[in-house]
Amino acid sequence: MLAFMTKRLGLAILVALTVSILAFLLLHLSGDPALALAGEGARQADIEMIRKTYGLDRPIVVQYADWLWKIMQGDFGMSVYFKTPVGPLIFDKLRTTLLLGMAALGVALAVSIPLGVLAALYKGSIIDRFCLAIAVLGQALPNFFFALLLIMLFSISLRMLPVSGSGTWQHFVMPAIALGYYIAPAFMRLIRAGMIEVLSADYIRTARAKGLPAHTVIFKHALRNAIVPVVALAAVQLGYLLGGSVVIETIFALDGLGYLAYQSITYKDYPVMQLIVLLLSVLYVLLTLASDIANAWLDPRIRVS
């Protein structure tokens, strides 16, 4: 197990280093950063002054090494638009995005696990087709459109939930449903396929032959083994939720990392954009590493192979 964890950790560090290079190059691939910061119609003298102030006149390798060294020391620079340190600005918004991501993942699992188990138990029946139809609808329906439908129903018609803000738990209900329902079909299909395979295994037939209750066979023996791949998918989907919540946070005006990313792109705030890309990428790598370790712990065959 230790050798497996060491190997995965080394791979994660290499991926994180590669991501840091791509995040830094993002600044230069989008054009001349000094020209973008100076704005249209700026004089050449002003552009050169900005280039010198931000160290953009140095070789790109030197710029990257200096940027990475400052990141490792906790110096994330200053926001061009907000005029505040980038670190506190981003980490203050991260809490909202993490809460939204976890809530959306909880919604997805709460919907997909029962539907996946039902579809597997009644394979080929009307129940199975109904569950699959819900899954198809979840992927076919864009999350921004579903979010607007939720606003029309729960905020405008029923007046049950607030439309915007992030002050209370009620503000997270509709965004979590909109994001969670969009990723639920992937979990549902995986659980259904895993349950169908496990339910036909010899040890399940033996458990039934011994007279064990149906719920014990299904939830203690079958679901426990069928849910192993879901752990890896949950980590990947949580990473997607953290990085892909820009539209939902903008619709509901949640003061999170996604909305901050939208603002930084709009106002060309490159230091904020770089750190958001780096932070979300590193979180994604860490979540993938955690899922690999969890799967290896749940299934010894993974770490042996």
Foldseek 3Di string as FASTA:
>chain_A
DVVLLVVLVVVLVVLLVVLLVVLLCVCPVVDDNLDLLQDPPGDPVSSVVSCVVLVVVDPSVVVSVVCVVCVVVVQLDAWSPVRHGLVVLAVVQAVLLLVLLVLLLVLLCVLQQVLLLQLQVVPPDPSVVVSLVLLVVLQVDQLLNQLVVCCCPCCVPVNNADQAEDPDPSLSPSSSPSLNSNPNSVSNVQLNVQLNVQCPDPVLVVCVVVVDDPCCSVPVPRSLVSCLVVLLVSLQSSLCSSVVCLSVCVRRVYSHNSVVCVVCVVSVRSSNVSVSSSVSSSSSSVSNSVSLVVSCVSPVVSSVD
